[in-house]
PDB file of N, CA and C in Angstrom:
ATOM      1  N   UNK A   1      -5.973  10.435  39.942  1.00  0.00           N
ATOM      2  CA  UNK A   1      -6.651  11.276  40.892  1.00  0.00           C
ATOM      3  C   UNK A   1      -8.128  11.257  40.555  1.00  0.00           C
ATOM      4  N   UNK A   2      -8.939  10.875  41.490  1.00  0.00           N
ATOM      5  CA  UNK A   2     -10.379  10.877  41.301  1.00  0.00           C
ATOM      6  C   UNK A   2     -10.918  12.176  41.883  1.00  0.00           C
ATOM      7  N   UNK A   3     -11.489  13.006  41.046  1.00  0.00           N
ATOM      8  CA  UNK A   3     -11.955  14.315  41.515  1.00  0.00           C
ATOM      9  C   UNK A   3     -13.240  14.236  42.318  1.00  0.00           C
ATOM     10  N   UNK A   4     -13.960  13.116  42.234  1.00  0.00           N
ATOM     11  CA  UNK A   4     -15.204  13.030  42.993  1.00  0.00           C
ATOM     12  C   UNK A   4     -15.088  12.077  44.173  1.00  0.00           C
ATOM     13  N   UNK A   5     -13.897  11.608  44.492  1.00  0.00           N
ATOM     14  CA  UNK A   5     -13.686  10.796  45.675  1.00  0.00           C
ATOM     15  C   UNK A   5     -14.024   9.327  45.519  1.00  0.00           C
ATOM     16  N   UNK A   6     -14.500   8.901  44.357  1.00  0.00           N
ATOM     17  CA  UNK A   6     -14.816   7.496  44.159  1.00  0.00           C
ATOM     18  C   UNK A   6     -13.540   6.729  43.850  1.00  0.00           C
ATOM     19  N   UNK A   7     -13.586   5.426  44.079  1.00  0.00           N
ATOM     20  CA  UNK A   7     -12.428   4.593  43.764  1.00  0.00           C
ATOM     21  C   UNK A   7     -12.166   4.599  42.269  1.00  0.00           C
ATOM     22  N   UNK A   8     -10.909   4.507  41.903  1.00  0.00           N
ATOM     23  CA  UNK A   8     -10.521   4.454  40.498  1.00  0.00           C
ATOM     24  C   UNK A   8     -10.361   2.994  40.108  1.00  0.00           C
ATOM     25  N   UNK A   9     -11.081   2.583  39.092  1.00  0.00           N
ATOM     26  CA  UNK A   9     -10.986   1.205  38.610  1.00  0.00           C
ATOM     27  C   UNK A   9     -10.475   1.208  37.180  1.00  0.00           C
ATOM     28  N   UNK A  10     -10.137   0.036  36.671  1.00  0.00           N
ATOM     29  CA  UNK A  10      -9.667  -0.101  35.294  1.00  0.00           C
ATOM     30  C   UNK A  10     -10.704   0.449  34.316  1.00  0.00           C
ATOM     31  N   UNK A  11     -11.993   0.282  34.612  1.00  0.00           N
ATOM     32  CA  UNK A  11     -13.058   0.747  33.723  1.00  0.00           C
ATOM     33  C   UNK A  11     -13.082   2.264  33.582  1.00  0.00           C
ATOM     34  N   UNK A  12     -12.635   2.977  34.595  1.00  0.00           N
ATOM     35  CA  UNK A  12     -12.662   4.440  34.562  1.00  0.00           C
ATOM     36  C   UNK A  12     -11.809   5.008  33.442  1.00  0.00           C
ATOM     37  N   UNK A  13     -10.755   4.316  33.065  1.00  0.00           N
ATOM     38  CA  UNK A  13      -9.794   4.856  32.109  1.00  0.00           C
ATOM     39  C   UNK A  13      -9.992   4.327  30.700  1.00  0.00           C
ATOM     40  N   UNK A  14     -10.975   3.463  30.491  1.00  0.00           N
ATOM     41  CA  UNK A  14     -11.085   2.719  29.242  1.00  0.00           C
ATOM     42  C   UNK A  14     -11.448   3.561  28.027  1.00  0.00           C
ATOM     43  N   UNK A  15     -12.247   4.620  28.164  1.00  0.00           N
ATOM     44  CA  UNK A  15     -12.838   5.246  26.987  1.00  0.00           C
ATOM     45  C   UNK A  15     -12.228   6.571  26.560  1.00  0.00           C
ATOM     46  N   UNK A  16     -11.349   7.140  27.326  1.00  0.00           N
ATOM     47  CA  UNK A  16     -10.857   8.474  26.984  1.00  0.00           C
ATOM     48  C   UNK A  16      -9.544   8.464  26.232  1.00  0.00           C
ATOM     49  N   UNK A  17      -9.238   9.609  25.623  1.00  0.00           N
ATOM     50  CA  UNK A  17      -7.991   9.783  24.881  1.00  0.00           C
ATOM     51  C   UNK A  17      -6.956  10.439  25.782  1.00  0.00           C
ATOM     52  N   UNK A  18      -5.704  10.193  25.487  1.00  0.00           N
ATOM     53  CA  UNK A  18      -4.602  10.794  26.229  1.00  0.00           C
ATOM     54  C   UNK A  18      -4.083  11.985  25.434  1.00  0.00           C
ATOM     55  N   UNK A  19      -3.850  13.090  26.113  1.00  0.00           N
ATOM     56  CA  UNK A  19      -3.266  14.271  25.476  1.00  0.00           C
ATOM     57  C   UNK A  19      -1.809  14.362  25.900  1.00  0.00           C
ATOM     58  N   UNK A  20      -0.937  14.615  24.956  1.00  0.00           N
ATOM     59  CA  UNK A  20       0.473  14.836  25.262  1.00  0.00           C
ATOM     60  C   UNK A  20       0.769  16.306  25.022  1.00  0.00           C
ATOM     61  N   UNK A  21       1.314  16.956  26.033  1.00  0.00           N
ATOM     62  CA  UNK A  21       1.610  18.385  25.943  1.00  0.00           C
ATOM     63  C   UNK A  21       3.124  18.583  25.905  1.00  0.00           C
ATOM     64  N   UNK A  22       3.677  19.079  24.769  1.00  0.00           N
ATOM     65  CA  UNK A  22       5.100  19.408  24.781  1.00  0.00           C
ATOM     66  C   UNK A  22       5.313  20.649  25.634  1.00  0.00           C
ATOM     67  N   UNK A  23       6.346  20.642  26.444  1.00  0.00           N
ATOM     68  CA  UNK A  23       6.547  21.715  27.408  1.00  0.00           C
ATOM     69  C   UNK A  23       7.373  22.872  26.889  1.00  0.00           C
ATOM     70  N   UNK A  24       8.418  22.590  26.131  1.00  0.00           N
ATOM     71  CA  UNK A  24       9.329  23.659  25.760  1.00  0.00           C
ATOM     72  C   UNK A  24      10.247  23.980  26.919  1.00  0.00           C
ATOM     73  N   UNK A  25      10.902  25.108  26.873  1.00  0.00           N
ATOM     74  CA  UNK A  25      11.896  25.457  27.895  1.00  0.00           C
ATOM     75  C   UNK A  25      11.389  26.562  28.801  1.00  0.00           C
ATOM     76  N   UNK A  26      10.217  26.374  29.361  1.00  0.00           N
ATOM     77  CA  UNK A  26       9.647  27.406  30.224  1.00  0.00           C
ATOM     78  C   UNK A  26       8.895  26.760  31.380  1.00  0.00           C
ATOM     79  N   UNK A  27       8.555  27.577  32.350  1.00  0.00           N
ATOM     80  CA  UNK A  27       7.704  27.094  33.436  1.00  0.00           C
ATOM     81  C   UNK A  27       6.277  27.004  32.918  1.00  0.00           C
ATOM     82  N   UNK A  28       5.571  25.994  33.354  1.00  0.00           N
ATOM     83  CA  UNK A  28       4.200  25.778  32.895  1.00  0.00           C
ATOM     84  C   UNK A  28       3.249  25.745  34.065  1.00  0.00           C
ATOM     85  N   UNK A  29       2.043  26.226  33.812  1.00  0.00           N
ATOM     86  CA  UNK A  29       0.957  26.054  34.765  1.00  0.00           C
ATOM     87  C   UNK A  29      -0.254  25.631  33.953  1.00  0.00           C
ATOM     88  N   UNK A  30      -0.819  24.482  34.294  1.00  0.00           N
ATOM     89  CA  UNK A  30      -1.946  23.924  33.564  1.00  0.00           C
ATOM     90  C   UNK A  30      -3.122  23.841  34.520  1.00  0.00           C
ATOM     91  N   UNK A  31      -4.289  24.306  34.097  1.00  0.00           N
ATOM     92  CA  UNK A  31      -5.477  24.246  34.939  1.00  0.00           C
ATOM     93  C   UNK A  31      -6.556  23.394  34.310  1.00  0.00           C
ATOM     94  N   UNK A  32      -7.296  22.678  35.134  1.00  0.00           N
ATOM     95  CA  UNK A  32      -8.388  21.831  34.665  1.00  0.00           C
ATOM     96  C   UNK A  32      -9.598  22.083  35.551  1.00  0.00           C
ATOM     97  N   UNK A  33     -10.773  22.052  34.970  1.00  0.00           N
ATOM     98  CA  UNK A  33     -12.007  22.248  35.723  1.00  0.00           C
ATOM     99  C   UNK A  33     -12.861  20.999  35.632  1.00  0.00           C
ATOM    100  N   UNK A  34     -13.578  20.716  36.692  1.00  0.00           N
ATOM    101  CA  UNK A  34     -14.490  19.573  36.724  1.00  0.00           C
ATOM    102  C   UNK A  34     -15.882  20.091  37.038  1.00  0.00           C
ATOM    103  N   UNK A  35     -16.586  20.553  36.019  1.00  0.00           N
ATOM    104  CA  UNK A  35     -17.910  21.138  36.213  1.00  0.00           C
ATOM    105  C   UNK A  35     -18.872  20.152  36.852  1.00  0.00           C
ATOM    106  N   UNK A  36     -18.708  18.867  36.580  1.00  0.00           N
ATOM    107  CA  UNK A  36     -19.579  17.842  37.148  1.00  0.00           C
ATOM    108  C   UNK A  36     -19.464  17.787  38.667  1.00  0.00           C
ATOM    109  N   UNK A  37     -18.387  18.315  39.217  1.00  0.00           N
ATOM    110  CA  UNK A  37     -18.179  18.312  40.660  1.00  0.00           C
ATOM    111  C   UNK A  37     -18.533  19.650  41.297  1.00  0.00           C
ATOM    112  N   UNK A  38     -19.383  20.411  40.648  1.00  0.00           N
ATOM    113  CA  UNK A  38     -19.773  21.689  41.205  1.00  0.00           C
ATOM    114  C   UNK A  38     -18.656  22.715  41.177  1.00  0.00           C
ATOM    115  N   UNK A  39     -17.818  22.657  40.163  1.00  0.00           N
ATOM    116  CA  UNK A  39     -16.787  23.662  40.002  1.00  0.00           C
ATOM    117  C   UNK A  39     -15.442  23.332  40.613  1.00  0.00           C
ATOM    118  N   UNK A  40     -15.185  22.072  40.918  1.00  0.00           N
ATOM    119  CA  UNK A  40     -13.874  21.693  41.453  1.00  0.00           C
ATOM    120  C   UNK A  40     -12.789  22.070  40.451  1.00  0.00           C
ATOM    121  N   UNK A  41     -11.636  22.454  40.946  1.00  0.00           N
ATOM    122  CA  UNK A  41     -10.533  22.884  40.091  1.00  0.00           C
ATOM    123  C   UNK A  41      -9.271  22.109  40.448  1.00  0.00           C
ATOM    124  N   UNK A  42      -8.410  21.947  39.455  1.00  0.00           N
ATOM    125  CA  UNK A  42      -7.114  21.308  39.660  1.00  0.00           C
ATOM    126  C   UNK A  42      -6.091  22.123  38.896  1.00  0.00           C
ATOM    127  N   UNK A  43      -4.975  22.457  39.526  1.00  0.00           N
ATOM    128  CA  UNK A  43      -3.927  23.250  38.885  1.00  0.00           C
ATOM    129  C   UNK A  43      -2.593  22.542  39.087  1.00  0.00           C
ATOM    130  N   UNK A  44      -1.787  22.504  38.038  1.00  0.00           N
ATOM    131  CA  UNK A  44      -0.501  21.821  38.075  1.00  0.00           C
ATOM    132  C   UNK A  44       0.573  22.767  37.568  1.00  0.00           C
ATOM    133  N   UNK A  45       1.691  22.883  38.298  1.00  0.00           N
ATOM    134  CA  UNK A  45       2.815  23.716  37.874  1.00  0.00           C
ATOM    135  C   UNK A  45       4.052  22.838  37.744  1.00  0.00           C
ATOM    136  N   UNK A  46       4.844  23.085  36.689  1.00  0.00           N
ATOM    137  CA  UNK A  46       6.094  22.347  36.517  1.00  0.00           C
ATOM    138  C   UNK A  46       7.029  23.106  35.595  1.00  0.00           C
ATOM    139  N   UNK A  47       8.294  22.715  35.591  1.00  0.00           N
ATOM    140  CA  UNK A  47       9.331  23.351  34.784  1.00  0.00           C
ATOM    141  C   UNK A  47       9.550  22.539  33.514  1.00  0.00           C
ATOM    142  N   UNK A  48       9.254  23.124  32.361  1.00  0.00           N
ATOM    143  CA  UNK A  48       9.365  22.437  31.083  1.00  0.00           C
ATOM    144  C   UNK A  48      10.780  22.051  30.703  1.00  0.00           C
ATOM    145  N   UNK A  49      11.777  22.699  31.292  1.00  0.00           N
ATOM    146  CA  UNK A  49      13.168  22.311  31.000  1.00  0.00           C
ATOM    147  C   UNK A  49      13.505  20.964  31.620  1.00  0.00           C
ATOM    148  N   UNK A  50      12.856  20.639  32.737  1.00  0.00           N
ATOM    149  CA  UNK A  50      13.113  19.375  33.439  1.00  0.00           C
ATOM    150  C   UNK A  50      12.136  18.282  33.021  1.00  0.00           C
ATOM    151  N   UNK A  51      10.965  18.679  32.558  1.00  0.00           N
ATOM    152  CA  UNK A  51       9.909  17.729  32.202  1.00  0.00           C
ATOM    153  C   UNK A  51       9.421  18.064  30.798  1.00  0.00           C
ATOM    154  N   UNK A  52      10.051  17.491  29.762  1.00  0.00           N
ATOM    155  CA  UNK A  52       9.772  17.885  28.382  1.00  0.00           C
ATOM    156  C   UNK A  52       8.336  17.641  27.918  1.00  0.00           C
ATOM    157  N   UNK A  53       7.678  16.620  28.441  1.00  0.00           N
ATOM    158  CA  UNK A  53       6.313  16.311  28.027  1.00  0.00           C
ATOM    159  C   UNK A  53       5.479  15.935  29.238  1.00  0.00           C
ATOM    160  N   UNK A  54       4.207  16.264  29.168  1.00  0.00           N
ATOM    161  CA  UNK A  54       3.259  15.874  30.205  1.00  0.00           C
ATOM    162  C   UNK A  54       2.053  15.257  29.513  1.00  0.00           C
ATOM    163  N   UNK A  55       1.712  14.054  29.887  1.00  0.00           N
ATOM    164  CA  UNK A  55       0.535  13.394  29.325  1.00  0.00           C
ATOM    165  C   UNK A  55      -0.585  13.455  30.348  1.00  0.00           C
ATOM    166  N   UNK A  56      -1.776  13.792  29.880  1.00  0.00           N
ATOM    167  CA  UNK A  56      -2.935  13.836  30.765  1.00  0.00           C
ATOM    168  C   UNK A  56      -4.069  13.020  30.177  1.00  0.00           C
ATOM    169  N   UNK A  57      -4.871  12.464  31.038  1.00  0.00           N
ATOM    170  CA  UNK A  57      -6.047  11.723  30.629  1.00  0.00           C
ATOM    171  C   UNK A  57      -7.205  12.214  31.485  1.00  0.00           C
ATOM    172  N   UNK A  58      -8.298  12.576  30.854  1.00  0.00           N
ATOM    173  CA  UNK A  58      -9.485  13.062  31.565  1.00  0.00           C
ATOM    174  C   UNK A  58     -10.656  12.198  31.163  1.00  0.00           C
ATOM    175  N   UNK A  59     -11.355  11.636  32.115  1.00  0.00           N
ATOM    176  CA  UNK A  59     -12.517  10.801  31.848  1.00  0.00           C
ATOM    177  C   UNK A  59     -13.634  11.249  32.786  1.00  0.00           C
ATOM    178  N   UNK A  60     -14.608  11.938  32.243  1.00  0.00           N
ATOM    179  CA  UNK A  60     -15.713  12.434  33.058  1.00  0.00           C
ATOM    180  C   UNK A  60     -17.030  12.151  32.358  1.00  0.00           C
ATOM    181  N   UNK A  61     -17.785  11.247  32.901  1.00  0.00           N
ATOM    182  CA  UNK A  61     -19.155  11.003  32.468  1.00  0.00           C
ATOM    183  C   UNK A  61     -19.894  10.362  33.638  1.00  0.00           C
ATOM    184  N   UNK A  62     -21.141  10.067  33.500  1.00  0.00           N
ATOM    185  CA  UNK A  62     -21.973   9.613  34.614  1.00  0.00           C
ATOM    186  C   UNK A  62     -21.293   8.520  35.442  1.00  0.00           C
ATOM    187  N   UNK A  63     -21.090   8.806  36.717  1.00  0.00           N
ATOM    188  CA  UNK A  63     -20.508   7.853  37.642  1.00  0.00           C
ATOM    189  C   UNK A  63     -18.989   7.802  37.650  1.00  0.00           C
ATOM    190  N   UNK A  64     -18.336   8.508  36.716  1.00  0.00           N
ATOM    191  CA  UNK A  64     -16.872   8.485  36.640  1.00  0.00           C
ATOM    192  C   UNK A  64     -16.362   9.912  36.470  1.00  0.00           C
ATOM    193  N   UNK A  65     -15.347  10.263  37.237  1.00  0.00           N
ATOM    194  CA  UNK A  65     -14.741  11.586  37.121  1.00  0.00           C
ATOM    195  C   UNK A  65     -13.271  11.461  37.517  1.00  0.00           C
ATOM    196  N   UNK A  66     -12.430  11.118  36.546  1.00  0.00           N
ATOM    197  CA  UNK A  66     -11.035  10.794  36.818  1.00  0.00           C
ATOM    198  C   UNK A  66     -10.109  11.690  35.994  1.00  0.00           C
ATOM    199  N   UNK A  67      -9.004  12.085  36.599  1.00  0.00           N
ATOM    200  CA  UNK A  67      -7.967  12.841  35.918  1.00  0.00           C
ATOM    201  C   UNK A  67      -6.631  12.177  36.231  1.00  0.00           C
ATOM    202  N   UNK A  68      -5.837  11.859  35.210  1.00  0.00           N
ATOM    203  CA  UNK A  68      -4.538  11.195  35.404  1.00  0.00           C
ATOM    204  C   UNK A  68      -3.424  12.045  34.806  1.00  0.00           C
ATOM    205  N   UNK A  69      -2.262  12.017  35.432  1.00  0.00           N
ATOM    206  CA  UNK A  69      -1.082  12.744  34.981  1.00  0.00           C
ATOM    207  C   UNK A  69       0.045  11.735  34.794  1.00  0.00           C
ATOM    208  N   UNK A  70       0.765  11.849  33.681  1.00  0.00           N
ATOM    209  CA  UNK A  70       1.937  10.999  33.474  1.00  0.00           C
ATOM    210  C   UNK A  70       3.086  11.847  32.941  1.00  0.00           C
ATOM    211  N   UNK A  71       4.112  12.087  33.756  1.00  0.00           N
ATOM    212  CA  UNK A  71       5.284  12.799  33.268  1.00  0.00           C
ATOM    213  C   UNK A  71       5.994  11.952  32.211  1.00  0.00           C
ATOM    214  N   UNK A  72       6.578  12.587  31.208  1.00  0.00           N
ATOM    215  CA  UNK A  72       7.258  11.840  30.145  1.00  0.00           C
ATOM    216  C   UNK A  72       8.442  12.636  29.612  1.00  0.00           C
ATOM    217  N   UNK A  73       9.437  11.919  29.110  1.00  0.00           N
ATOM    218  CA  UNK A  73      10.603  12.572  28.527  1.00  0.00           C
ATOM    219  C   UNK A  73      10.504  12.665  27.016  1.00  0.00           C
ATOM    220  N   UNK A  74       9.459  12.079  26.432  1.00  0.00           N
ATOM    221  CA  UNK A  74       9.315  12.073  24.974  1.00  0.00           C
ATOM    222  C   UNK A  74       7.838  12.064  24.589  1.00  0.00           C
ATOM    223  N   UNK A  75       7.577  12.387  23.347  1.00  0.00           N
ATOM    224  CA  UNK A  75       6.220  12.396  22.809  1.00  0.00           C
ATOM    225  C   UNK A  75       5.657  10.977  22.794  1.00  0.00           C
ATOM    226  N   UNK A  76       4.347  10.871  22.705  1.00  0.00           N
ATOM    227  CA  UNK A  76       3.666   9.571  22.720  1.00  0.00           C
ATOM    228  C   UNK A  76       3.619   8.994  21.303  1.00  0.00           C
ATOM    229  N   UNK A  77       4.768   8.543  20.837  1.00  0.00           N
ATOM    230  CA  UNK A  77       4.923   7.940  19.516  1.00  0.00           C
ATOM    231  C   UNK A  77       5.645   6.613  19.690  1.00  0.00           C
ATOM    232  N   UNK A  78       5.574   5.728  18.695  1.00  0.00           N
ATOM    233  CA  UNK A  78       6.341   4.484  18.788  1.00  0.00           C
ATOM    234  C   UNK A  78       7.837   4.778  18.935  1.00  0.00           C
ATOM    235  N   UNK A  79       8.518   3.981  19.728  1.00  0.00           N
ATOM    236  CA  UNK A  79       9.953   4.197  19.974  1.00  0.00           C
ATOM    237  C   UNK A  79      10.764   4.191  18.682  1.00  0.00           C
ATOM    238  N   UNK A  80      10.374   3.370  17.714  1.00  0.00           N
ATOM    239  CA  UNK A  80      11.087   3.332  16.435  1.00  0.00           C
ATOM    240  C   UNK A  80      11.049   4.709  15.767  1.00  0.00           C
ATOM    241  N   UNK A  81       9.862   5.336  15.750  1.00  0.00           N
ATOM    242  CA  UNK A  81       9.732   6.680  15.164  1.00  0.00           C
ATOM    243  C   UNK A  81      10.571   7.697  15.929  1.00  0.00           C
ATOM    244  N   UNK A  82      10.525   7.617  17.246  1.00  0.00           N
ATOM    245  CA  UNK A  82      11.294   8.551  18.071  1.00  0.00           C
ATOM    246  C   UNK A  82      12.789   8.425  17.800  1.00  0.00           C
ATOM    247  N   UNK A  83      13.278   7.173  17.666  1.00  0.00           N
ATOM    248  CA  UNK A  83      14.698   6.966  17.355  1.00  0.00           C
ATOM    249  C   UNK A  83      15.056   7.568  15.998  1.00  0.00           C
ATOM    250  N   UNK A  84      14.190   7.331  14.995  1.00  0.00           N
ATOM    251  CA  UNK A  84      14.440   7.857  13.649  1.00  0.00           C
ATOM    252  C   UNK A  84      14.482   9.379  13.647  1.00  0.00           C
ATOM    253  N   UNK A  85      13.659  10.012  14.474  1.00  0.00           N
ATOM    254  CA  UNK A  85      13.617  11.476  14.564  1.00  0.00           C
ATOM    255  C   UNK A  85      14.676  12.014  15.533  1.00  0.00           C
ATOM    256  N   UNK A  86      15.438  11.105  16.150  1.00  0.00           N
ATOM    257  CA  UNK A  86      16.420  11.460  17.175  1.00  0.00           C
ATOM    258  C   UNK A  86      15.770  12.244  18.311  1.00  0.00           C
ATOM    259  N   UNK A  87      14.563  11.817  18.682  1.00  0.00           N
ATOM    260  CA  UNK A  87      13.798  12.499  19.723  1.00  0.00           C
ATOM    261  C   UNK A  87      13.644  11.651  20.981  1.00  0.00           C
ATOM    262  N   UNK A  88      14.337  10.530  21.038  1.00  0.00           N
ATOM    263  CA  UNK A  88      14.253   9.661  22.204  1.00  0.00           C
ATOM    264  C   UNK A  88      15.428   9.967  23.123  1.00  0.00           C
ATOM    265  N   UNK A  89      15.128  10.514  24.273  1.00  0.00           N
ATOM    266  CA  UNK A  89      16.181  10.870  25.230  1.00  0.00           C
ATOM    267  C   UNK A  89      16.850   9.602  25.737  1.00  0.00           C
ATOM    268  N   UNK A  90      18.160   9.580  25.702  1.00  0.00           N
ATOM    269  CA  UNK A  90      18.863   8.411  26.222  1.00  0.00           C
ATOM    270  C   UNK A  90      19.362   8.721  27.625  1.00  0.00           C
ATOM    271  N   UNK A  91      19.262   7.732  28.477  1.00  0.00           N
ATOM    272  CA  UNK A  91      19.729   7.855  29.845  1.00  0.00           C
ATOM    273  C   UNK A  91      20.790   6.787  30.061  1.00  0.00           C
ATOM    274  N   UNK A  92      21.959   7.160  30.523  1.00  0.00           N
ATOM    275  CA  UNK A  92      22.989   6.145  30.751  1.00  0.00           C
ATOM    276  C   UNK A  92      22.559   5.172  31.849  1.00  0.00           C
ATOM    277  N   UNK A  93      23.109   3.977  31.804  1.00  0.00           N
ATOM    278  CA  UNK A  93      22.791   2.971  32.818  1.00  0.00           C
ATOM    279  C   UNK A  93      23.010   3.567  34.213  1.00  0.00           C
ATOM    280  N   UNK A  94      22.004   3.437  35.054  1.00  0.00           N
ATOM    281  CA  UNK A  94      22.073   3.991  36.400  1.00  0.00           C
ATOM    282  C   UNK A  94      21.720   5.467  36.472  1.00  0.00           C
ATOM    283  N   UNK A  95      21.463   6.106  35.319  1.00  0.00           N
ATOM    284  CA  UNK A  95      21.115   7.526  35.288  1.00  0.00           C
ATOM    285  C   UNK A  95      19.646   7.745  35.612  1.00  0.00           C
ATOM    286  N   UNK A  96      19.246   8.982  35.696  1.00  0.00           N
ATOM    287  CA  UNK A  96      17.846   9.299  35.982  1.00  0.00           C
ATOM    288  C   UNK A  96      17.488  10.669  35.415  1.00  0.00           C
ATOM    289  N   UNK A  97      16.216  10.941  35.329  1.00  0.00           N
ATOM    290  CA  UNK A  97      15.680  12.249  34.960  1.00  0.00           C
ATOM    291  C   UNK A  97      14.924  12.759  36.182  1.00  0.00           C
ATOM    292  N   UNK A  98      15.191  13.987  36.581  1.00  0.00           N
ATOM    293  CA  UNK A  98      14.501  14.564  37.735  1.00  0.00           C
ATOM    294  C   UNK A  98      13.450  15.562  37.267  1.00  0.00           C
ATOM    295  N   UNK A  99      12.313  15.580  37.954  1.00  0.00           N
ATOM    296  CA  UNK A  99      11.269  16.552  37.682  1.00  0.00           C
ATOM    297  C   UNK A  99      10.595  16.918  38.991  1.00  0.00           C
ATOM    298  N   UNK A 100       9.841  17.990  38.957  1.00  0.00           N
ATOM    299  CA  UNK A 100       9.160  18.490  40.147  1.00  0.00           C
ATOM    300  C   UNK A 100       7.762  18.930  39.731  1.00  0.00           C
ATOM    301  N   UNK A 101       6.750  18.410  40.400  1.00  0.00           N
ATOM    302  CA  UNK A 101       5.360  18.793  40.140  1.00  0.00           C
ATOM    303  C   UNK A 101       4.790  19.464  41.376  1.00  0.00           C
ATOM    304  N   UNK A 102       4.017  20.511  41.168  1.00  0.00           N
ATOM    305  CA  UNK A 102       3.236  21.117  42.243  1.00  0.00           C
ATOM    306  C   UNK A 102       1.790  21.076  41.796  1.00  0.00           C
ATOM    307  N   UNK A 103       0.930  20.473  42.586  1.00  0.00           N
ATOM    308  CA  UNK A 103      -0.476  20.399  42.191  1.00  0.00           C
ATOM    309  C   UNK A 103      -1.367  20.906  43.318  1.00  0.00           C
ATOM    310  N   UNK A 104      -2.464  21.521  42.921  1.00  0.00           N
ATOM    311  CA  UNK A 104      -3.413  22.116  43.852  1.00  0.00           C
ATOM    312  C   UNK A 104      -4.812  21.722  43.414  1.00  0.00           C
ATOM    313  N   UNK A 105      -5.644  21.301  44.333  1.00  0.00           N
ATOM    314  CA  UNK A 105      -6.997  20.882  43.992  1.00  0.00           C
ATOM    315  C   UNK A 105      -7.995  21.461  44.976  1.00  0.00           C
ATOM    316  N   UNK A 106      -9.066  22.053  44.453  1.00  0.00           N
ATOM    317  CA  UNK A 106     -10.137  22.508  45.333  1.00  0.00           C
ATOM    318  C   UNK A 106     -11.100  21.365  45.621  1.00  0.00           C
ATOM    319  N   UNK A 107     -11.009  20.278  44.846  1.00  0.00           N
ATOM    320  CA  UNK A 107     -11.905  19.138  45.044  1.00  0.00           C
ATOM    321  C   UNK A 107     -11.644  18.472  46.384  1.00  0.00           C
ATOM    322  N   UNK A 108     -10.385  18.295  46.726  1.00  0.00           N
ATOM    323  CA  UNK A 108     -10.037  17.610  47.965  1.00  0.00           C
ATOM    324  C   UNK A 108      -9.567  18.596  49.039  1.00  0.00           C
ATOM    325  N   UNK A 109      -9.605  19.886  48.729  1.00  0.00           N
ATOM    326  CA  UNK A 109      -9.104  20.922  49.635  1.00  0.00           C
ATOM    327  C   UNK A 109      -7.691  20.606  50.111  1.00  0.00           C
ATOM    328  N   UNK A 110      -6.857  20.159  49.191  1.00  0.00           N
ATOM    329  CA  UNK A 110      -5.493  19.819  49.573  1.00  0.00           C
ATOM    330  C   UNK A 110      -4.531  20.208  48.465  1.00  0.00           C
ATOM    331  N   UNK A 111      -3.260  20.155  48.776  1.00  0.00           N
ATOM    332  CA  UNK A 111      -2.239  20.386  47.762  1.00  0.00           C
ATOM    333  C   UNK A 111      -1.145  19.352  47.945  1.00  0.00           C
ATOM    334  N   UNK A 112      -0.373  19.129  46.901  1.00  0.00           N
ATOM    335  CA  UNK A 112       0.720  18.167  46.997  1.00  0.00           C
ATOM    336  C   UNK A 112       1.896  18.680  46.194  1.00  0.00           C
ATOM    337  N   UNK A 113       3.085  18.288  46.588  1.00  0.00           N
ATOM    338  CA  UNK A 113       4.299  18.571  45.828  1.00  0.00           C
ATOM    339  C   UNK A 113       4.991  17.242  45.629  1.00  0.00           C
ATOM    340  N   UNK A 114       5.533  17.029  44.441  1.00  0.00           N
ATOM    341  CA  UNK A 114       6.175  15.750  44.169  1.00  0.00           C
ATOM    342  C   UNK A 114       7.430  15.975  43.345  1.00  0.00           C
ATOM    343  N   UNK A 115       8.527  15.468  43.814  1.00  0.00           N
ATOM    344  CA  UNK A 115       9.772  15.450  43.047  1.00  0.00           C
ATOM    345  C   UNK A 115      10.188  14.002  42.948  1.00  0.00           C
ATOM    346  N   UNK A 116      10.540  13.575  41.748  1.00  0.00           N
ATOM    347  CA  UNK A 116      10.849  12.166  41.595  1.00  0.00           C
ATOM    348  C   UNK A 116      11.748  11.926  40.406  1.00  0.00           C
ATOM    349  N   UNK A 117      12.595  10.904  40.473  1.00  0.00           N
ATOM    350  CA  UNK A 117      13.314  10.504  39.268  1.00  0.00           C
ATOM    351  C   UNK A 117      12.358   9.775  38.354  1.00  0.00           C
ATOM    352  N   UNK A 118      12.553   9.905  37.052  1.00  0.00           N
ATOM    353  CA  UNK A 118      11.680   9.220  36.098  1.00  0.00           C
ATOM    354  C   UNK A 118      12.229   7.850  35.807  1.00  0.00           C
TER     355      UNK A 118
END
């Protein structure tokens, strides 16, 4: 999601770090502000029981103002470590994980709802 309406290119995502947020077993609401856009706001709501982790990436500097969301079922660690910790969720062949995101943005004056299998 580009908060300033510019196209998102590969270069936009090159320099920032990704944050992984463990959800726990509760409903979550996460808010982000984009001061560079004159106070644009973005709010995301989701159920932590259905979406155990949420990864976000924020890249805001001159000419670039990008925010990315990636739903995840596990922490951002190597799969070998996750297996050793028994923290890698297994999905049977043909199975799926369902989640639901609700997002609201004052930057684009719009809102979206998304439900999808992972």
